[in-house]
Amino acid sequence: MAIALLIWGATIAFSLICGTILCYKVEKSKVKRWGYSGKLFK
């Protein structure tokens, strides 16, 4: 039971980290594409 809980927690942590990295990359590319207008929306 403890092992299953550990795997479940690790899976959630991993997906959160991956999501954060993806969002960060998308934000960076958006800012590069839009330039100044991207800064205004933040």
N, C-alpha and C. Protein backbone atom coordinates (compact mmCIF):
# COMPACT_ATOMS: atom_id res chain seq x y z
N MET A 1 0.83 -1.20 0.00
CA MET A 1 0.00 0.00 0.00
C MET A 1 0.87 1.26 0.00
N ALA A 2 1.89 1.27 0.84
CA ALA A 2 2.78 2.43 0.92
C ALA A 2 3.52 2.66 -0.40
N ILE A 3 3.89 1.55 -1.05
CA ILE A 3 4.62 1.64 -2.33
C ILE A 3 3.70 2.25 -3.40
N ALA A 4 2.45 1.81 -3.42
CA ALA A 4 1.48 2.33 -4.39
C ALA A 4 1.27 3.83 -4.18
N LEU A 5 1.20 4.24 -2.92
CA LEU A 5 1.01 5.65 -2.58
C LEU A 5 2.21 6.47 -3.02
N LEU A 6 3.40 5.90 -2.85
CA LEU A 6 4.64 6.57 -3.24
C LEU A 6 4.70 6.76 -4.75
N ILE A 7 4.32 5.71 -5.49
CA ILE A 7 4.31 5.77 -6.97
C ILE A 7 3.29 6.81 -7.44
N TRP A 8 2.11 6.82 -6.77
CA TRP A 8 1.05 7.78 -7.11
C TRP A 8 1.52 9.21 -6.89
N GLY A 9 2.17 9.45 -5.76
CA GLY A 9 2.69 10.77 -5.45
C GLY A 9 3.77 11.21 -6.43
N ALA A 10 4.65 10.27 -6.79
CA ALA A 10 5.73 10.57 -7.73
C ALA A 10 5.17 10.88 -9.11
N THR A 11 4.13 10.17 -9.51
CA THR A 11 3.50 10.39 -10.82
C THR A 11 2.89 11.79 -10.89
N ILE A 12 2.22 12.20 -9.83
CA ILE A 12 1.61 13.54 -9.79
C ILE A 12 2.69 14.61 -9.81
N ALA A 13 3.75 14.41 -9.01
CA ALA A 13 4.85 15.37 -8.97
C ALA A 13 5.50 15.49 -10.35
N PHE A 14 5.72 14.35 -11.01
CA PHE A 14 6.35 14.32 -12.33
C PHE A 14 5.49 15.05 -13.37
N SER A 15 4.17 14.81 -13.34
CA SER A 15 3.28 15.46 -14.30
C SER A 15 3.21 16.97 -14.06
N LEU A 16 3.26 17.37 -12.78
CA LEU A 16 3.26 18.80 -12.45
C LEU A 16 4.52 19.48 -12.95
N ILE A 17 5.66 18.80 -12.76
CA ILE A 17 6.94 19.35 -13.22
C ILE A 17 6.95 19.45 -14.75
N CYS A 18 6.49 18.41 -15.42
CA CYS A 18 6.43 18.42 -16.89
C CYS A 18 5.50 19.53 -17.39
N GLY A 19 4.36 19.68 -16.74
CA GLY A 19 3.42 20.73 -17.11
C GLY A 19 4.01 22.12 -16.94
N THR A 20 4.74 22.30 -15.84
CA THR A 20 5.38 23.59 -15.57
C THR A 20 6.42 23.91 -16.62
N ILE A 21 7.23 22.90 -16.98
CA ILE A 21 8.29 23.09 -17.99
C ILE A 21 7.65 23.43 -19.35
N LEU A 22 6.58 22.71 -19.71
CA LEU A 22 5.90 22.95 -20.98
C LEU A 22 5.31 24.36 -21.02
N CYS A 23 4.63 24.76 -19.93
CA CYS A 23 4.04 26.10 -19.85
C CYS A 23 5.11 27.17 -19.96
N TYR A 24 6.25 26.94 -19.29
CA TYR A 24 7.35 27.90 -19.31
C TYR A 24 7.90 28.06 -20.73
N LYS A 25 8.04 26.94 -21.45
CA LYS A 25 8.54 26.98 -22.83
C LYS A 25 7.55 27.69 -23.74
N VAL A 26 6.26 27.42 -23.56
CA VAL A 26 5.23 28.06 -24.37
C VAL A 26 5.22 29.57 -24.11
N GLU A 27 5.31 29.96 -22.83
CA GLU A 27 5.34 31.38 -22.47
C GLU A 27 6.53 32.08 -23.11
N LYS A 28 7.70 31.45 -23.06
CA LYS A 28 8.90 32.04 -23.64
C LYS A 28 8.75 32.23 -25.15
N SER A 29 8.20 31.21 -25.83
CA SER A 29 8.04 31.30 -27.28
C SER A 29 6.99 32.34 -27.65
N LYS A 30 5.94 32.46 -26.83
CA LYS A 30 4.90 33.47 -27.07
C LYS A 30 5.48 34.87 -26.95
N VAL A 31 6.27 35.09 -25.91
CA VAL A 31 6.88 36.40 -25.70
C VAL A 31 7.81 36.73 -26.85
N LYS A 32 8.56 35.74 -27.32
CA LYS A 32 9.47 35.94 -28.46
C LYS A 32 8.67 36.29 -29.71
N ARG A 33 7.54 35.62 -29.91
CA ARG A 33 6.74 35.82 -31.11
C ARG A 33 6.05 37.19 -31.09
N TRP A 34 5.45 37.52 -29.93
CA TRP A 34 4.69 38.76 -29.85
C TRP A 34 5.55 39.97 -29.56
N GLY A 35 6.68 39.73 -28.90
CA GLY A 35 7.54 40.85 -28.53
C GLY A 35 6.91 41.70 -27.45
N TYR A 36 6.71 42.98 -27.75
CA TYR A 36 6.24 43.93 -26.74
C TYR A 36 4.79 43.66 -26.32
N SER A 37 3.94 43.25 -27.25
CA SER A 37 2.53 43.00 -26.92
C SER A 37 2.40 41.86 -25.91
N GLY A 38 3.32 40.89 -25.96
CA GLY A 38 3.32 39.79 -24.99
C GLY A 38 3.59 40.29 -23.59
N LYS A 39 4.43 41.31 -23.47
CA LYS A 39 4.74 41.89 -22.16
C LYS A 39 3.53 42.64 -21.60
N LEU A 40 2.75 43.26 -22.46
CA LEU A 40 1.58 44.02 -22.01
C LEU A 40 0.52 43.12 -21.38
N PHE A 41 0.39 41.88 -21.90
CA PHE A 41 -0.63 40.96 -21.39
C PHE A 41 -0.27 40.37 -20.03
N LYS A 42 1.01 40.42 -19.65
CA LYS A 42 1.43 39.80 -18.39
C LYS A 42 1.03 40.62 -17.18
